[in-house]
Amino acid sequence: MIRDFIRERRSWLLLLLSMQLMLLLIAFVDSAIPFLPVLYAVGLNTLLCIGFVILRYSRETSFYRELDAWDHAYDLTGLKEAGSPLEQRVQSAVTRQSERFRKETDEHFLLLEQEKDDMLAWIHEMKTPLTAMKLMIERLPEEALRQQMMYEWLRIHHLLDRQLHQKRIPFMEKDLYFEQLDLEAILHGEIKALQSWCIRKGIGFDLMLEEKLVVSDAKWTAFILRQLLTNAVKYNREGSDVEIISGEAEGHLMLSIKDSGEGITARDLPRIFEKGFTSTQNHQSSAATGMGLYLAKQAADSLSIQLKAASVPGAGSTFTLIFPRENELQHLTGM
């Protein structure tokens, strides 16, 4: 700040210095003027100027130091009141700009809320024709056609479900209800929903659940499992099983879902939970959206569930959910 202060007033300081040097030059050239008294006067003037600059530095930079430390929020109440007319002009400009930005932010927030509400309403409206379509597909006499249509219906259903939860995730803390859940029942429900896809690929599920009960939110836990199971079925080798194993370690229930697909490279593994990331291995593929694992990770973090991934290229991937202990949920349940 002191450098900026000196740079700002450099012309004034140079003017004062030039005036003092001119007095010394005149006293040196004109022998009628005693040099030592003039030198003494110049020294006093210099000390006086230095003291004045130091005093003004403290006063004139206090407002700008406050402005520099301001967190650039829209609330200006913590900003020091301007003293000089120029500082008042700066403060007035900052206030007008902040008010304009606040107004624009409020307008954008309302537009986003309206867009979210419209999207949620559209998704809910789509559920009715989808339900009717499912009933019509189930009545098709040809088995091969029925399975193909059911698979396409399932894809549409999952895309809508993912979009619905994506819009709700930023506000999911308002929608949480913690209770004791039976993971086996939730898994069976999600596996049944994937039945047509699994039959098409010849994929089964091998459940080895030593621990089944956990405290969490049923709807969002099912959503996380749905994303992991969908991912496992998508990449699992045809004709092989997806392994689902649960157990306990250090008081935490751990649930692992293992597929036998191509696996994830060491280069991609740290990025798989990033929004929009698909793969560097099959980068040209348009099948992946890069949203399923991202949304699962976001939901898991909100439930204090650790979601970890491990993979061996060519031997499949394993996704593990580590559920928190019941006493670790107090900050979420408010108990």
C-alpha atoms as a PDB file:
ATOM      1  CA  MET A   1       0.000   0.000   0.000  1.00  0.00           C
ATOM      2  CA  ILE A   2       2.841   2.436   0.774  1.00  0.00           C
ATOM      3  CA  ARG A   3       4.273   1.962  -2.709  1.00  0.00           C
ATOM      4  CA  ASP A   4       0.924   2.777  -4.256  1.00  0.00           C
ATOM      5  CA  PHE A   5       0.625   5.848  -2.038  1.00  0.00           C
ATOM      6  CA  ILE A   6       4.074   7.159  -3.072  1.00  0.00           C
ATOM      7  CA  ARG A   7       3.424   6.345  -6.742  1.00  0.00           C
ATOM      8  CA  GLU A   8       0.081   8.178  -6.589  1.00  0.00           C
ATOM      9  CA  ARG A   9       1.688  11.335  -5.151  1.00  0.00           C
ATOM     10  CA  ARG A  10       4.976  11.087  -6.954  1.00  0.00           C
ATOM     11  CA  SER A  11       4.472  14.349  -8.883  1.00  0.00           C
ATOM     12  CA  TRP A  12       3.761  16.314  -5.665  1.00  0.00           C
ATOM     13  CA  LEU A  13       6.759  14.839  -3.907  1.00  0.00           C
ATOM     14  CA  LEU A  14       8.993  15.623  -6.884  1.00  0.00           C
ATOM     15  CA  LEU A  15       7.685  19.197  -6.880  1.00  0.00           C
ATOM     16  CA  LEU A  16       8.539  19.650  -3.198  1.00  0.00           C
ATOM     17  CA  LEU A  17      11.971  18.122  -3.711  1.00  0.00           C
ATOM     18  CA  SER A  18      12.620  20.359  -6.707  1.00  0.00           C
ATOM     19  CA  MET A  19      11.695  23.482  -4.709  1.00  0.00           C
ATOM     20  CA  GLN A  20      14.120  22.557  -1.930  1.00  0.00           C
ATOM     21  CA  LEU A  21      16.912  21.863  -4.408  1.00  0.00           C
ATOM     22  CA  MET A  22      16.204  25.186  -6.137  1.00  0.00           C
ATOM     23  CA  LEU A  23      16.607  27.046  -2.842  1.00  0.00           C
ATOM     24  CA  LEU A  24      19.927  25.316  -2.228  1.00  0.00           C
ATOM     25  CA  LEU A  25      21.052  26.101  -5.774  1.00  0.00           C
ATOM     26  CA  ILE A  26      20.177  29.797  -5.415  1.00  0.00           C
ATOM     27  CA  ALA A  27      21.975  30.032  -2.080  1.00  0.00           C
ATOM     28  CA  PHE A  28      25.006  28.277  -3.568  1.00  0.00           C
ATOM     29  CA  VAL A  29      25.175  30.517  -6.655  1.00  0.00           C
ATOM     30  CA  ASP A  30      24.363  33.849  -4.969  1.00  0.00           C
ATOM     31  CA  SER A  31      27.167  34.669  -2.547  1.00  0.00           C
ATOM     32  CA  ALA A  32      25.046  37.388  -0.949  1.00  0.00           C
ATOM     33  CA  ILE A  33      22.776  34.705   0.506  1.00  0.00           C
ATOM     34  CA  PRO A  34      24.329  32.724   3.382  1.00  0.00           C
ATOM     35  CA  PHE A  35      24.319  29.029   2.457  1.00  0.00           C
ATOM     36  CA  LEU A  36      24.215  27.405   5.925  1.00  0.00           C
ATOM     37  CA  PRO A  37      20.989  29.114   7.105  1.00  0.00           C
ATOM     38  CA  VAL A  38      19.314  28.141   3.835  1.00  0.00           C
ATOM     39  CA  LEU A  39      20.556  24.572   4.233  1.00  0.00           C
ATOM     40  CA  TYR A  40      19.172  24.554   7.771  1.00  0.00           C
ATOM     41  CA  ALA A  41      15.792  25.845   6.540  1.00  0.00           C
ATOM     42  CA  VAL A  42      15.697  23.269   3.759  1.00  0.00           C
ATOM     43  CA  GLY A  43      16.473  20.490   6.243  1.00  0.00           C
ATOM     44  CA  LEU A  44      13.612  21.613   8.496  1.00  0.00           C
ATOM     45  CA  ASN A  45      11.263  21.819   5.509  1.00  0.00           C
ATOM     46  CA  THR A  46      12.286  18.313   4.450  1.00  0.00           C
ATOM     47  CA  LEU A  47      11.640  16.896   7.935  1.00  0.00           C
ATOM     48  CA  LEU A  48       8.295  18.701   8.048  1.00  0.00           C
ATOM     49  CA  CYS A  49       7.316  17.296   4.648  1.00  0.00           C
ATOM     50  CA  ILE A  50       8.315  13.767   5.668  1.00  0.00           C
ATOM     51  CA  GLY A  51       6.218  14.026   8.863  1.00  0.00           C
ATOM     52  CA  PHE A  52       3.280  15.392   6.862  1.00  0.00           C
ATOM     53  CA  VAL A  53       3.493  12.539   4.311  1.00  0.00           C
ATOM     54  CA  ILE A  54       3.578   9.939   7.094  1.00  0.00           C
ATOM     55  CA  LEU A  55       0.544  11.498   8.764  1.00  0.00           C
ATOM     56  CA  ARG A  56      -1.413  11.768   5.536  1.00  0.00           C
ATOM     57  CA  TYR A  57      -0.489   8.200   4.554  1.00  0.00           C
ATOM     58  CA  SER A  58      -2.217   6.815   7.629  1.00  0.00           C
ATOM     59  CA  ARG A  59      -5.321   8.910   7.104  1.00  0.00           C
ATOM     60  CA  GLU A  60      -5.656   8.789   3.340  1.00  0.00           C
ATOM     61  CA  THR A  61      -5.068   5.044   2.952  1.00  0.00           C
ATOM     62  CA  SER A  62      -7.327   3.817   5.759  1.00  0.00           C
ATOM     63  CA  PHE A  63     -10.403   3.835   3.485  1.00  0.00           C
ATOM     64  CA  TYR A  64      -8.561   2.031   0.681  1.00  0.00           C
ATOM     65  CA  ARG A  65      -7.137  -0.542   3.094  1.00  0.00           C
ATOM     66  CA  GLU A  66     -10.693  -1.300   4.196  1.00  0.00           C
ATOM     67  CA  LEU A  67     -11.736  -1.493   0.548  1.00  0.00           C
ATOM     68  CA  ASP A  68      -8.839  -3.825  -0.225  1.00  0.00           C
ATOM     69  CA  ALA A  69      -9.783  -6.119   2.696  1.00  0.00           C
ATOM     70  CA  TRP A  70     -13.484  -6.071   1.704  1.00  0.00           C
ATOM     71  CA  ASP A  71     -14.689  -9.544   0.743  1.00  0.00           C
ATOM     72  CA  HIS A  72     -16.554  -8.143  -2.289  1.00  0.00           C
ATOM     73  CA  ALA A  73     -19.900  -9.275  -0.939  1.00  0.00           C
ATOM     74  CA  TYR A  74     -22.997  -7.267  -1.684  1.00  0.00           C
ATOM     75  CA  ASP A  75     -23.215  -6.147   1.949  1.00  0.00           C
ATOM     76  CA  LEU A  76     -21.416  -2.797   2.283  1.00  0.00           C
ATOM     77  CA  THR A  77     -22.213  -2.236   5.957  1.00  0.00           C
ATOM     78  CA  GLY A  78     -18.759  -3.454   7.002  1.00  0.00           C
ATOM     79  CA  LEU A  79     -17.038  -0.948   4.725  1.00  0.00           C
ATOM     80  CA  LYS A  80     -15.584   2.140   6.405  1.00  0.00           C
ATOM     81  CA  GLU A  81     -17.371   5.419   5.741  1.00  0.00           C
ATOM     82  CA  ALA A  82     -15.554   7.560   3.183  1.00  0.00           C
ATOM     83  CA  GLY A  83     -13.969  10.778   4.429  1.00  0.00           C
ATOM     84  CA  SER A  84     -12.702  12.873   1.540  1.00  0.00           C
ATOM     85  CA  PRO A  85     -14.806  13.885  -1.474  1.00  0.00           C
ATOM     86  CA  LEU A  86     -12.837  11.571  -3.782  1.00  0.00           C
ATOM     87  CA  GLU A  87     -13.311   8.635  -1.395  1.00  0.00           C
ATOM     88  CA  GLN A  88     -17.025   9.403  -1.335  1.00  0.00           C
ATOM     89  CA  ARG A  89     -17.092   9.221  -5.113  1.00  0.00           C
ATOM     90  CA  VAL A  90     -15.382   5.810  -5.012  1.00  0.00           C
ATOM     91  CA  GLN A  91     -17.743   4.543  -2.332  1.00  0.00           C
ATOM     92  CA  SER A  92     -20.764   5.804  -4.255  1.00  0.00           C
ATOM     93  CA  ALA A  93     -19.593   4.033  -7.418  1.00  0.00           C
ATOM     94  CA  VAL A  94     -18.965   0.783  -5.526  1.00  0.00           C
ATOM     95  CA  THR A  95     -22.401   1.020  -3.888  1.00  0.00           C
ATOM     96  CA  ARG A  96     -24.169   1.568  -7.218  1.00  0.00           C
ATOM     97  CA  GLN A  97     -22.297  -1.306  -8.833  1.00  0.00           C
ATOM     98  CA  SER A  98     -23.028  -3.641  -5.922  1.00  0.00           C
ATOM     99  CA  GLU A  99     -26.716  -2.768  -6.018  1.00  0.00           C
ATOM    100  CA  ARG A 100     -26.795  -3.413  -9.776  1.00  0.00           C
ATOM    101  CA  PHE A 101     -25.042  -6.761  -9.386  1.00  0.00           C
ATOM    102  CA  ARG A 102     -27.345  -7.721  -6.522  1.00  0.00           C
ATOM    103  CA  LYS A 103     -30.396  -6.912  -8.612  1.00  0.00           C
ATOM    104  CA  GLU A 104     -29.048  -8.911 -11.569  1.00  0.00           C
ATOM    105  CA  THR A 105     -28.198 -11.833  -9.282  1.00  0.00           C
ATOM    106  CA  ASP A 106     -31.709 -11.842  -7.821  1.00  0.00           C
ATOM    107  CA  GLU A 107     -33.195 -11.790 -11.316  1.00  0.00           C
ATOM    108  CA  HIS A 108     -30.957 -14.660 -12.464  1.00  0.00           C
ATOM    109  CA  PHE A 109     -31.793 -16.642  -9.335  1.00  0.00           C
ATOM    110  CA  LEU A 110     -35.514 -16.225  -9.994  1.00  0.00           C
ATOM    111  CA  LEU A 111     -35.020 -17.340 -13.595  1.00  0.00           C
ATOM    112  CA  LEU A 112     -33.075 -20.396 -12.458  1.00  0.00           C
ATOM    113  CA  GLU A 113     -35.748 -21.242  -9.902  1.00  0.00           C
ATOM    114  CA  GLN A 114     -38.421 -20.893 -12.574  1.00  0.00           C
ATOM    115  CA  GLU A 115     -36.405 -23.077 -14.933  1.00  0.00           C
ATOM    116  CA  LYS A 116     -35.931 -25.692 -12.211  1.00  0.00           C
ATOM    117  CA  ASP A 117     -39.651 -25.702 -11.375  1.00  0.00           C
ATOM    118  CA  ASP A 118     -40.556 -25.992 -15.060  1.00  0.00           C
ATOM    119  CA  MET A 119     -38.101 -28.866 -15.514  1.00  0.00           C
ATOM    120  CA  LEU A 120     -39.419 -30.716 -12.459  1.00  0.00           C
ATOM    121  CA  ALA A 121     -42.992 -30.215 -13.620  1.00  0.00           C
ATOM    122  CA  TRP A 122     -42.103 -31.523 -17.094  1.00  0.00           C
ATOM    123  CA  ILE A 123     -40.390 -34.599 -15.647  1.00  0.00           C
ATOM    124  CA  HIS A 124     -43.403 -35.390 -13.480  1.00  0.00           C
ATOM    125  CA  GLU A 125     -45.704 -34.945 -16.480  1.00  0.00           C
ATOM    126  CA  MET A 126     -43.552 -37.371 -18.456  1.00  0.00           C
ATOM    127  CA  LYS A 127     -44.067 -40.082 -15.856  1.00  0.00           C
ATOM    128  CA  THR A 128     -47.709 -40.594 -16.850  1.00  0.00           C
ATOM    129  CA  PRO A 129     -47.086 -41.442 -20.535  1.00  0.00           C
ATOM    130  CA  LEU A 130     -44.038 -43.478 -19.525  1.00  0.00           C
ATOM    131  CA  THR A 131     -46.166 -45.575 -17.187  1.00  0.00           C
ATOM    132  CA  ALA A 132     -48.745 -46.096 -19.927  1.00  0.00           C
ATOM    133  CA  MET A 133     -45.976 -46.954 -22.383  1.00  0.00           C
ATOM    134  CA  LYS A 134     -44.613 -49.592 -19.998  1.00  0.00           C
ATOM    135  CA  LEU A 135     -48.014 -51.237 -19.720  1.00  0.00           C
ATOM    136  CA  MET A 136     -48.310 -51.300 -23.515  1.00  0.00           C
ATOM    137  CA  ILE A 137     -44.807 -52.784 -23.873  1.00  0.00           C
ATOM    138  CA  GLU A 138     -45.604 -55.537 -21.371  1.00  0.00           C
ATOM    139  CA  ARG A 139     -48.561 -56.594 -23.553  1.00  0.00           C
ATOM    140  CA  LEU A 140     -46.476 -57.069 -26.692  1.00  0.00           C
ATOM    141  CA  PRO A 141     -46.732 -60.724 -27.824  1.00  0.00           C
ATOM    142  CA  GLU A 142     -43.253 -60.965 -29.333  1.00  0.00           C
ATOM    143  CA  GLU A 143     -40.634 -61.616 -26.632  1.00  0.00           C
ATOM    144  CA  ALA A 144     -37.623 -60.198 -28.494  1.00  0.00           C
ATOM    145  CA  LEU A 145     -39.444 -56.992 -29.392  1.00  0.00           C
ATOM    146  CA  ARG A 146     -40.798 -56.661 -25.850  1.00  0.00           C
ATOM    147  CA  GLN A 147     -37.313 -56.933 -24.339  1.00  0.00           C
ATOM    148  CA  GLN A 148     -35.869 -54.427 -26.811  1.00  0.00           C
ATOM    149  CA  MET A 149     -38.676 -51.940 -26.137  1.00  0.00           C
ATOM    150  CA  MET A 150     -38.384 -52.424 -22.389  1.00  0.00           C
ATOM    151  CA  TYR A 151     -34.642 -51.757 -22.575  1.00  0.00           C
ATOM    152  CA  GLU A 152     -35.221 -48.474 -24.431  1.00  0.00           C
ATOM    153  CA  TRP A 153     -37.975 -47.557 -21.979  1.00  0.00           C
ATOM    154  CA  LEU A 154     -35.582 -48.206 -19.107  1.00  0.00           C
ATOM    155  CA  ARG A 155     -32.987 -45.887 -20.627  1.00  0.00           C
ATOM    156  CA  ILE A 156     -35.526 -43.068 -20.915  1.00  0.00           C
ATOM    157  CA  HIS A 157     -36.735 -43.730 -17.380  1.00  0.00           C
ATOM    158  CA  HIS A 158     -33.205 -43.565 -15.956  1.00  0.00           C
ATOM    159  CA  LEU A 159     -32.357 -40.376 -17.846  1.00  0.00           C
ATOM    160  CA  LEU A 160     -35.465 -38.652 -16.491  1.00  0.00           C
ATOM    161  CA  ASP A 161     -34.797 -39.970 -13.005  1.00  0.00           C
ATOM    162  CA  ARG A 162     -31.211 -38.711 -13.137  1.00  0.00           C
ATOM    163  CA  GLN A 163     -32.331 -35.289 -14.367  1.00  0.00           C
ATOM    164  CA  LEU A 164     -34.919 -35.111 -11.591  1.00  0.00           C
ATOM    165  CA  HIS A 165     -32.361 -35.856  -8.890  1.00  0.00           C
ATOM    166  CA  GLN A 166     -29.797 -33.544 -10.475  1.00  0.00           C
ATOM    167  CA  LYS A 167     -32.200 -30.630 -10.017  1.00  0.00           C
ATOM    168  CA  ARG A 168     -32.935 -31.684  -6.435  1.00  0.00           C
ATOM    169  CA  ILE A 169     -29.375 -32.288  -5.217  1.00  0.00           C
ATOM    170  CA  PRO A 170     -28.597 -28.623  -4.392  1.00  0.00           C
ATOM    171  CA  PHE A 171     -31.576 -28.648  -2.014  1.00  0.00           C
ATOM    172  CA  MET A 172     -31.482 -32.262  -0.846  1.00  0.00           C
ATOM    173  CA  GLU A 173     -30.673 -31.289   2.767  1.00  0.00           C
ATOM    174  CA  LYS A 174     -34.304 -30.127   3.020  1.00  0.00           C
ATOM    175  CA  ASP A 175     -35.525 -33.522   1.811  1.00  0.00           C
ATOM    176  CA  LEU A 176     -33.607 -35.897   4.093  1.00  0.00           C
ATOM    177  CA  TYR A 177     -35.265 -38.354   6.470  1.00  0.00           C
ATOM    178  CA  PHE A 178     -32.975 -40.760   8.284  1.00  0.00           C
ATOM    179  CA  GLU A 179     -34.268 -44.146   9.306  1.00  0.00           C
ATOM    180  CA  GLN A 180     -33.065 -47.720   9.568  1.00  0.00           C
ATOM    181  CA  LEU A 181     -32.894 -49.247   6.102  1.00  0.00           C
ATOM    182  CA  ASP A 182     -32.679 -52.804   4.839  1.00  0.00           C
ATOM    183  CA  LEU A 183     -30.073 -52.627   2.086  1.00  0.00           C
ATOM    184  CA  GLU A 184     -31.058 -56.032   0.758  1.00  0.00           C
ATOM    185  CA  ALA A 185     -34.611 -54.872   0.101  1.00  0.00           C
ATOM    186  CA  ILE A 186     -33.408 -51.697  -1.629  1.00  0.00           C
ATOM    187  CA  LEU A 187     -30.941 -53.675  -3.750  1.00  0.00           C
ATOM    188  CA  HIS A 188     -33.586 -56.183  -4.789  1.00  0.00           C
ATOM    189  CA  GLY A 189     -35.871 -53.338  -5.872  1.00  0.00           C
ATOM    190  CA  GLU A 190     -33.165 -51.655  -7.943  1.00  0.00           C
ATOM    191  CA  ILE A 191     -32.019 -54.951  -9.477  1.00  0.00           C
ATOM    192  CA  LYS A 192     -35.591 -55.813 -10.433  1.00  0.00           C
ATOM    193  CA  ALA A 193     -35.895 -52.477 -12.234  1.00  0.00           C
ATOM    194  CA  LEU A 194     -32.819 -53.437 -14.306  1.00  0.00           C
ATOM    195  CA  GLN A 195     -34.177 -56.913 -15.105  1.00  0.00           C
ATOM    196  CA  SER A 196     -34.835 -56.380 -18.815  1.00  0.00           C
ATOM    197  CA  TRP A 197     -31.349 -54.926 -19.361  1.00  0.00           C
ATOM    198  CA  CYS A 198     -29.704 -57.732 -17.389  1.00  0.00           C
ATOM    199  CA  ILE A 199     -31.594 -60.432 -19.314  1.00  0.00           C
ATOM    200  CA  ARG A 200     -30.504 -58.866 -22.574  1.00  0.00           C
ATOM    201  CA  LYS A 201     -26.822 -58.973 -21.549  1.00  0.00           C
ATOM    202  CA  GLY A 202     -27.062 -62.248 -19.644  1.00  0.00           C
ATOM    203  CA  ILE A 203     -25.913 -60.598 -16.414  1.00  0.00           C
ATOM    204  CA  GLY A 204     -26.759 -61.854 -12.938  1.00  0.00           C
ATOM    205  CA  PHE A 205     -26.070 -60.576  -9.432  1.00  0.00           C
ATOM    206  CA  ASP A 206     -24.177 -62.380  -6.700  1.00  0.00           C
ATOM    207  CA  LEU A 207     -25.245 -60.939  -3.332  1.00  0.00           C
ATOM    208  CA  MET A 208     -23.098 -61.664  -0.290  1.00  0.00           C
ATOM    209  CA  LEU A 209     -24.549 -59.425   2.389  1.00  0.00           C
ATOM    210  CA  GLU A 210     -23.176 -60.021   5.873  1.00  0.00           C
ATOM    211  CA  GLU A 211     -24.559 -56.684   7.077  1.00  0.00           C
ATOM    212  CA  LYS A 212     -27.892 -55.398   5.830  1.00  0.00           C
ATOM    213  CA  LEU A 213     -29.162 -52.707   8.210  1.00  0.00           C
ATOM    214  CA  VAL A 214     -27.965 -49.129   8.047  1.00  0.00           C
ATOM    215  CA  VAL A 215     -29.274 -45.697   9.060  1.00  0.00           C
ATOM    216  CA  SER A 216     -29.668 -43.362   6.079  1.00  0.00           C
ATOM    217  CA  ASP A 217     -32.182 -41.710   3.782  1.00  0.00           C
ATOM    218  CA  ALA A 218     -34.074 -44.315   1.752  1.00  0.00           C
ATOM    219  CA  LYS A 219     -34.732 -42.285  -1.387  1.00  0.00           C
ATOM    220  CA  TRP A 220     -31.233 -40.907  -1.830  1.00  0.00           C
ATOM    221  CA  THR A 221     -29.535 -44.163  -0.825  1.00  0.00           C
ATOM    222  CA  ALA A 222     -31.579 -45.907  -3.509  1.00  0.00           C
ATOM    223  CA  PHE A 223     -30.538 -43.231  -6.012  1.00  0.00           C
ATOM    224  CA  ILE A 224     -26.836 -43.773  -5.235  1.00  0.00           C
ATOM    225  CA  LEU A 225     -27.196 -47.549  -5.562  1.00  0.00           C
ATOM    226  CA  ARG A 226     -29.149 -47.087  -8.786  1.00  0.00           C
ATOM    227  CA  GLN A 227     -26.290 -45.126 -10.352  1.00  0.00           C
ATOM    228  CA  LEU A 228     -23.677 -47.664  -9.240  1.00  0.00           C
ATOM    229  CA  LEU A 229     -25.734 -50.677 -10.353  1.00  0.00           C
ATOM    230  CA  THR A 230     -26.515 -49.068 -13.706  1.00  0.00           C
ATOM    231  CA  ASN A 231     -22.836 -48.332 -14.170  1.00  0.00           C
ATOM    232  CA  ALA A 232     -21.921 -51.922 -13.255  1.00  0.00           C
ATOM    233  CA  VAL A 233     -24.447 -53.451 -15.663  1.00  0.00           C
ATOM    234  CA  LYS A 234     -23.409 -51.057 -18.413  1.00  0.00           C
ATOM    235  CA  TYR A 235     -19.730 -52.014 -18.300  1.00  0.00           C
ATOM    236  CA  ASN A 236     -19.934 -55.612 -17.049  1.00  0.00           C
ATOM    237  CA  ARG A 237     -18.955 -58.391 -19.450  1.00  0.00           C
ATOM    238  CA  GLU A 238     -21.908 -60.218 -20.968  1.00  0.00           C
ATOM    239  CA  GLY A 239     -22.697 -63.510 -19.286  1.00  0.00           C
ATOM    240  CA  SER A 240     -20.900 -62.706 -16.018  1.00  0.00           C
ATOM    241  CA  ASP A 241     -22.241 -61.661 -12.624  1.00  0.00           C
ATOM    242  CA  VAL A 242     -21.993 -58.407 -10.726  1.00  0.00           C
ATOM    243  CA  GLU A 243     -20.798 -59.027  -7.163  1.00  0.00           C
ATOM    244  CA  ILE A 244     -22.387 -57.103  -4.280  1.00  0.00           C
ATOM    245  CA  ILE A 245     -20.681 -57.587  -0.932  1.00  0.00           C
ATOM    246  CA  SER A 246     -21.346 -55.997   2.441  1.00  0.00           C
ATOM    247  CA  GLY A 247     -19.500 -56.176   5.727  1.00  0.00           C
ATOM    248  CA  GLU A 248     -18.403 -54.175   8.744  1.00  0.00           C
ATOM    249  CA  ALA A 249     -15.065 -52.494   9.386  1.00  0.00           C
ATOM    250  CA  GLU A 250     -14.318 -50.292  12.408  1.00  0.00           C
ATOM    251  CA  GLY A 251     -18.012 -49.799  13.095  1.00  0.00           C
ATOM    252  CA  HIS A 252     -18.803 -48.747   9.521  1.00  0.00           C
ATOM    253  CA  LEU A 253     -20.995 -50.757   7.181  1.00  0.00           C
ATOM    254  CA  MET A 254     -19.246 -51.175   3.840  1.00  0.00           C
ATOM    255  CA  LEU A 255     -21.054 -52.109   0.630  1.00  0.00           C
ATOM    256  CA  SER A 256     -19.050 -52.945  -2.494  1.00  0.00           C
ATOM    257  CA  ILE A 257     -20.319 -53.375  -6.056  1.00  0.00           C
ATOM    258  CA  LYS A 258     -17.838 -55.106  -8.359  1.00  0.00           C
ATOM    259  CA  ASP A 259     -18.153 -55.548 -12.120  1.00  0.00           C
ATOM    260  CA  SER A 260     -15.984 -57.502 -14.550  1.00  0.00           C
ATOM    261  CA  GLY A 261     -15.691 -54.872 -17.249  1.00  0.00           C
ATOM    262  CA  GLU A 262     -12.661 -53.297 -18.869  1.00  0.00           C
ATOM    263  CA  GLY A 263     -11.799 -51.379 -15.727  1.00  0.00           C
ATOM    264  CA  ILE A 264     -10.570 -47.825 -15.312  1.00  0.00           C
ATOM    265  CA  THR A 265      -7.058 -46.693 -16.106  1.00  0.00           C
ATOM    266  CA  ALA A 266      -4.874 -45.221 -13.370  1.00  0.00           C
ATOM    267  CA  ARG A 267      -4.923 -41.928 -15.262  1.00  0.00           C
ATOM    268  CA  ASP A 268      -8.735 -41.713 -15.235  1.00  0.00           C
ATOM    269  CA  LEU A 269      -9.416 -43.079 -11.748  1.00  0.00           C
ATOM    270  CA  PRO A 270      -8.871 -39.804  -9.817  1.00  0.00           C
ATOM    271  CA  ARG A 271     -11.255 -37.966 -12.176  1.00  0.00           C
ATOM    272  CA  ILE A 272     -14.233 -40.309 -12.460  1.00  0.00           C
ATOM    273  CA  PHE A 273     -16.311 -38.327  -9.942  1.00  0.00           C
ATOM    274  CA  GLU A 274     -15.769 -35.036 -11.752  1.00  0.00           C
ATOM    275  CA  LYS A 275     -18.763 -33.476 -13.464  1.00  0.00           C
ATOM    276  CA  GLY A 276     -18.902 -34.310 -17.157  1.00  0.00           C
ATOM    277  CA  PHE A 277     -15.809 -36.530 -17.170  1.00  0.00           C
ATOM    278  CA  THR A 278     -16.274 -39.656 -19.294  1.00  0.00           C
ATOM    279  CA  SER A 279     -13.049 -41.410 -20.167  1.00  0.00           C
ATOM    280  CA  THR A 280      -9.775 -40.874 -21.961  1.00  0.00           C
ATOM    281  CA  GLN A 281      -9.777 -44.532 -22.961  1.00  0.00           C
ATOM    282  CA  ASN A 282     -12.972 -44.384 -25.041  1.00  0.00           C
ATOM    283  CA  HIS A 283     -13.142 -40.648 -25.512  1.00  0.00           C
ATOM    284  CA  GLN A 284     -15.032 -40.831 -28.800  1.00  0.00           C
ATOM    285  CA  SER A 285     -17.904 -42.808 -27.281  1.00  0.00           C
ATOM    286  CA  SER A 286     -21.141 -40.845 -26.886  1.00  0.00           C
ATOM    287  CA  ALA A 287     -22.795 -43.398 -24.600  1.00  0.00           C
ATOM    288  CA  ALA A 288     -21.357 -41.966 -21.369  1.00  0.00           C
ATOM    289  CA  THR A 289     -22.561 -38.605 -20.054  1.00  0.00           C
ATOM    290  CA  GLY A 290     -20.165 -38.205 -17.133  1.00  0.00           C
ATOM    291  CA  MET A 291     -23.050 -37.398 -14.777  1.00  0.00           C
ATOM    292  CA  GLY A 292     -23.999 -40.670 -13.057  1.00  0.00           C
ATOM    293  CA  LEU A 293     -20.944 -41.061 -10.809  1.00  0.00           C
ATOM    294  CA  TYR A 294     -20.767 -37.307 -10.258  1.00  0.00           C
ATOM    295  CA  LEU A 295     -24.351 -37.177  -8.970  1.00  0.00           C
ATOM    296  CA  ALA A 296     -23.812 -40.310  -6.872  1.00  0.00           C
ATOM    297  CA  LYS A 297     -20.762 -38.684  -5.256  1.00  0.00           C
ATOM    298  CA  GLN A 298     -22.647 -35.454  -4.583  1.00  0.00           C
ATOM    299  CA  ALA A 299     -25.528 -37.329  -2.951  1.00  0.00           C
ATOM    300  CA  ALA A 300     -23.154 -39.543  -0.956  1.00  0.00           C
ATOM    301  CA  ASP A 301     -21.269 -36.530   0.406  1.00  0.00           C
ATOM    302  CA  SER A 302     -24.546 -34.975   1.572  1.00  0.00           C
ATOM    303  CA  LEU A 303     -25.360 -38.225   3.426  1.00  0.00           C
ATOM    304  CA  SER A 304     -21.840 -38.408   4.933  1.00  0.00           C
ATOM    305  CA  ILE A 305     -21.257 -41.598   2.939  1.00  0.00           C
ATOM    306  CA  GLN A 306     -17.780 -42.178   1.582  1.00  0.00           C
ATOM    307  CA  LEU A 307     -17.796 -43.321  -2.037  1.00  0.00           C
ATOM    308  CA  LYS A 308     -14.521 -44.858  -3.187  1.00  0.00           C
ATOM    309  CA  ALA A 309     -13.445 -46.521  -6.401  1.00  0.00           C
ATOM    310  CA  ALA A 310     -10.768 -49.076  -7.184  1.00  0.00           C
ATOM    311  CA  SER A 311     -10.003 -50.687 -10.507  1.00  0.00           C
ATOM    312  CA  VAL A 312      -7.605 -52.990 -12.294  1.00  0.00           C
ATOM    313  CA  PRO A 313      -7.560 -52.386 -16.052  1.00  0.00           C
ATOM    314  CA  GLY A 314      -8.917 -55.458 -17.774  1.00  0.00           C
ATOM    315  CA  ALA A 315     -10.290 -56.954 -14.546  1.00  0.00           C
ATOM    316  CA  GLY A 316     -13.198 -54.665 -13.670  1.00  0.00           C
ATOM    317  CA  SER A 317     -13.969 -51.963 -11.134  1.00  0.00           C
ATOM    318  CA  THR A 318     -15.177 -51.900  -7.545  1.00  0.00           C
ATOM    319  CA  PHE A 319     -17.186 -49.075  -6.020  1.00  0.00           C
ATOM    320  CA  THR A 320     -17.451 -49.070  -2.238  1.00  0.00           C
ATOM    321  CA  LEU A 321     -19.903 -47.202  -0.043  1.00  0.00           C
ATOM    322  CA  ILE A 322     -18.739 -46.618   3.538  1.00  0.00           C
ATOM    323  CA  PHE A 323     -21.738 -45.632   5.635  1.00  0.00           C
ATOM    324  CA  PRO A 324     -21.211 -43.422   8.698  1.00  0.00           C
ATOM    325  CA  ARG A 325     -21.782 -44.615  12.230  1.00  0.00           C
ATOM    326  CA  GLU A 326     -25.148 -43.671  13.659  1.00  0.00           C
ATOM    327  CA  ASN A 327     -23.648 -41.132  16.081  1.00  0.00           C
ATOM    328  CA  GLU A 328     -21.868 -39.433  13.147  1.00  0.00           C
ATOM    329  CA  LEU A 329     -25.213 -38.457  11.655  1.00  0.00           C
ATOM    330  CA  GLN A 330     -26.186 -36.097  14.457  1.00  0.00           C
ATOM    331  CA  HIS A 331     -25.135 -33.009  12.466  1.00  0.00           C
ATOM    332  CA  LEU A 332     -27.547 -34.073   9.713  1.00  0.00           C
ATOM    333  CA  THR A 333     -30.479 -35.296  11.774  1.00  0.00           C
ATOM    334  CA  GLY A 334     -30.310 -32.480  14.333  1.00  0.00           C
ATOM    335  CA  MET A 335     -30.447 -34.956  17.195  1.00  0.00           C
END
